[in-house]
N, C-alpha and C. Protein backbone atom coordinates (compact mmCIF):
# COMPACT_ATOMS: atom_id res chain seq x y z
N MET A 1 1.07 14.12 36.39
CA MET A 1 1.07 12.88 35.65
C MET A 1 2.50 12.44 35.43
N THR A 2 2.76 11.18 35.67
CA THR A 2 4.11 10.66 35.48
C THR A 2 4.36 10.36 34.00
N ILE A 3 5.61 10.17 33.69
CA ILE A 3 6.00 9.86 32.31
C ILE A 3 5.38 8.54 31.87
N GLU A 4 5.34 7.57 32.76
CA GLU A 4 4.77 6.26 32.42
C GLU A 4 3.28 6.36 32.12
N GLN A 5 2.56 7.16 32.89
CA GLN A 5 1.13 7.35 32.65
C GLN A 5 0.91 8.05 31.31
N ARG A 6 1.74 9.05 31.04
CA ARG A 6 1.64 9.79 29.76
C ARG A 6 1.89 8.85 28.59
N GLN A 7 2.92 8.02 28.70
CA GLN A 7 3.24 7.08 27.63
C GLN A 7 2.11 6.07 27.42
N ALA A 8 1.50 5.61 28.51
CA ALA A 8 0.41 4.64 28.40
C ALA A 8 -0.80 5.25 27.69
N ILE A 9 -1.15 6.47 28.02
CA ILE A 9 -2.29 7.15 27.38
C ILE A 9 -2.03 7.31 25.89
N ILE A 10 -0.86 7.78 25.55
CA ILE A 10 -0.51 8.00 24.15
C ILE A 10 -0.47 6.67 23.40
N HIS A 11 0.13 5.66 24.00
CA HIS A 11 0.22 4.35 23.35
C HIS A 11 -1.17 3.77 23.08
N GLU A 12 -2.06 3.85 24.05
CA GLU A 12 -3.41 3.32 23.87
C GLU A 12 -4.15 4.02 22.74
N LYS A 13 -4.07 5.35 22.73
CA LYS A 13 -4.79 6.10 21.71
C LYS A 13 -4.23 5.85 20.31
N LEU A 14 -2.91 5.84 20.20
CA LEU A 14 -2.29 5.60 18.89
C LEU A 14 -2.52 4.17 18.43
N GLU A 15 -2.45 3.22 19.35
CA GLU A 15 -2.65 1.81 18.98
C GLU A 15 -4.06 1.57 18.46
N SER A 16 -5.04 2.22 19.07
CA SER A 16 -6.42 2.06 18.62
C SER A 16 -6.63 2.62 17.21
N MET A 17 -5.78 3.57 16.83
CA MET A 17 -5.85 4.16 15.50
C MET A 17 -4.93 3.47 14.51
N GLY A 18 -4.10 2.55 15.01
CA GLY A 18 -3.16 1.84 14.14
C GLY A 18 -1.98 2.70 13.74
N GLU A 19 -1.56 3.59 14.61
CA GLU A 19 -0.45 4.49 14.30
C GLU A 19 0.66 4.35 15.34
N THR A 20 1.78 4.97 15.01
CA THR A 20 2.91 5.07 15.93
C THR A 20 3.17 6.54 16.20
N VAL A 21 4.05 6.81 17.14
CA VAL A 21 4.42 8.20 17.43
C VAL A 21 5.03 8.83 16.18
N THR A 22 5.85 8.08 15.49
CA THR A 22 6.50 8.60 14.29
C THR A 22 5.48 8.94 13.21
N SER A 23 4.55 8.03 12.94
CA SER A 23 3.57 8.30 11.88
C SER A 23 2.64 9.46 12.27
N TRP A 24 2.26 9.53 13.55
CA TRP A 24 1.41 10.63 14.01
C TRP A 24 2.15 11.96 13.88
N SER A 25 3.43 11.96 14.23
CA SER A 25 4.25 13.17 14.14
C SER A 25 4.35 13.66 12.70
N LYS A 26 4.59 12.73 11.78
CA LYS A 26 4.71 13.11 10.38
C LYS A 26 3.41 13.68 9.84
N LYS A 27 2.27 13.08 10.22
CA LYS A 27 0.98 13.59 9.78
C LYS A 27 0.72 15.01 10.28
N ASN A 28 1.26 15.32 11.46
CA ASN A 28 1.05 16.63 12.06
C ASN A 28 2.23 17.58 11.84
N ARG A 29 3.12 17.19 10.94
CA ARG A 29 4.27 17.99 10.56
C ARG A 29 5.14 18.39 11.74
N LEU A 30 5.42 17.40 12.60
CA LEU A 30 6.29 17.59 13.74
C LEU A 30 7.47 16.63 13.64
N ASP A 31 8.59 17.04 14.18
CA ASP A 31 9.76 16.16 14.23
C ASP A 31 9.49 15.07 15.25
N HIS A 32 9.57 13.80 14.83
CA HIS A 32 9.25 12.70 15.72
C HIS A 32 10.18 12.62 16.92
N ARG A 33 11.42 13.06 16.75
CA ARG A 33 12.36 13.05 17.89
C ARG A 33 11.96 14.09 18.93
N LEU A 34 11.47 15.23 18.48
CA LEU A 34 11.00 16.27 19.39
C LEU A 34 9.77 15.78 20.16
N VAL A 35 8.85 15.15 19.46
CA VAL A 35 7.64 14.62 20.10
C VAL A 35 8.03 13.55 21.13
N ALA A 36 8.93 12.66 20.77
CA ALA A 36 9.36 11.62 21.71
C ALA A 36 10.03 12.22 22.93
N ASP A 37 10.85 13.25 22.73
CA ASP A 37 11.52 13.90 23.85
C ASP A 37 10.53 14.62 24.77
N LEU A 38 9.48 15.21 24.20
CA LEU A 38 8.44 15.83 25.02
C LEU A 38 7.69 14.77 25.83
N ILE A 39 7.34 13.68 25.19
CA ILE A 39 6.62 12.61 25.86
C ILE A 39 7.46 12.01 26.99
N ASN A 40 8.76 11.86 26.74
CA ASN A 40 9.65 11.24 27.72
C ASN A 40 10.17 12.21 28.78
N GLY A 41 9.76 13.47 28.70
CA GLY A 41 10.12 14.44 29.72
C GLY A 41 11.48 15.08 29.56
N LYS A 42 12.14 14.88 28.42
CA LYS A 42 13.45 15.50 28.20
C LYS A 42 13.30 17.00 27.92
N PHE A 43 12.20 17.38 27.29
CA PHE A 43 11.87 18.79 27.06
C PHE A 43 10.58 19.10 27.80
N LEU A 44 10.48 20.34 28.28
CA LEU A 44 9.27 20.76 28.99
C LEU A 44 8.24 21.39 28.06
N GLY A 45 8.69 21.94 26.95
CA GLY A 45 7.77 22.56 26.01
C GLY A 45 7.25 23.89 26.51
N THR A 46 8.17 24.75 26.96
CA THR A 46 7.75 26.02 27.51
C THR A 46 7.99 27.21 26.59
N ARG A 47 8.83 27.03 25.57
CA ARG A 47 9.10 28.13 24.65
C ARG A 47 9.34 27.64 23.24
N GLY A 48 9.08 28.50 22.29
CA GLY A 48 9.44 28.25 20.91
C GLY A 48 8.80 27.03 20.27
N VAL A 49 9.61 26.30 19.53
CA VAL A 49 9.14 25.13 18.78
C VAL A 49 8.59 24.06 19.71
N THR A 50 9.23 23.87 20.85
CA THR A 50 8.76 22.83 21.77
C THR A 50 7.39 23.19 22.35
N LEU A 51 7.13 24.47 22.57
CA LEU A 51 5.81 24.89 23.06
C LEU A 51 4.74 24.64 22.01
N GLN A 52 5.04 24.95 20.76
CA GLN A 52 4.08 24.70 19.68
C GLN A 52 3.79 23.21 19.55
N ALA A 53 4.82 22.39 19.63
CA ALA A 53 4.64 20.95 19.54
C ALA A 53 3.82 20.44 20.72
N ARG A 54 4.11 20.94 21.90
CA ARG A 54 3.37 20.53 23.10
C ARG A 54 1.88 20.87 22.97
N LYS A 55 1.58 22.05 22.42
CA LYS A 55 0.18 22.44 22.23
C LYS A 55 -0.53 21.50 21.26
N GLN A 56 0.16 21.11 20.19
CA GLN A 56 -0.44 20.19 19.23
C GLN A 56 -0.68 18.82 19.86
N ILE A 57 0.27 18.37 20.66
CA ILE A 57 0.13 17.08 21.33
C ILE A 57 -1.04 17.13 22.30
N GLU A 58 -1.16 18.21 23.07
CA GLU A 58 -2.25 18.34 24.03
C GLU A 58 -3.61 18.48 23.35
N GLU A 59 -3.65 19.09 22.18
CA GLU A 59 -4.91 19.18 21.44
C GLU A 59 -5.42 17.79 21.09
N PHE A 60 -4.51 16.91 20.72
CA PHE A 60 -4.91 15.58 20.28
C PHE A 60 -5.11 14.60 21.44
N PHE A 61 -4.19 14.59 22.39
CA PHE A 61 -4.21 13.60 23.46
C PHE A 61 -4.84 14.10 24.75
N GLY A 62 -5.13 15.37 24.84
CA GLY A 62 -5.69 15.92 26.08
C GLY A 62 -4.58 16.48 26.95
N ASN A 63 -4.95 16.87 28.15
CA ASN A 63 -4.00 17.48 29.08
C ASN A 63 -3.13 16.39 29.72
N ILE A 64 -2.01 16.08 29.09
CA ILE A 64 -1.17 14.99 29.58
C ILE A 64 0.15 15.50 30.17
N PHE A 65 0.36 16.80 30.15
CA PHE A 65 1.62 17.34 30.69
C PHE A 65 1.41 17.98 32.03
């Protein structure tokens, strides 16, 4: 899945709920900058905090990575 496809899926789901990446991140106790970096492909989410954040994102949005 490309970054653009990932962003489109996330945007559609959040928009239907009336939320933003920042508000969703805060509700799930995640740093919004970390979530944005994972979505934009700057981090892979393979270890530590990024892996935990990636798992939470995938639980909510599905297999997007």
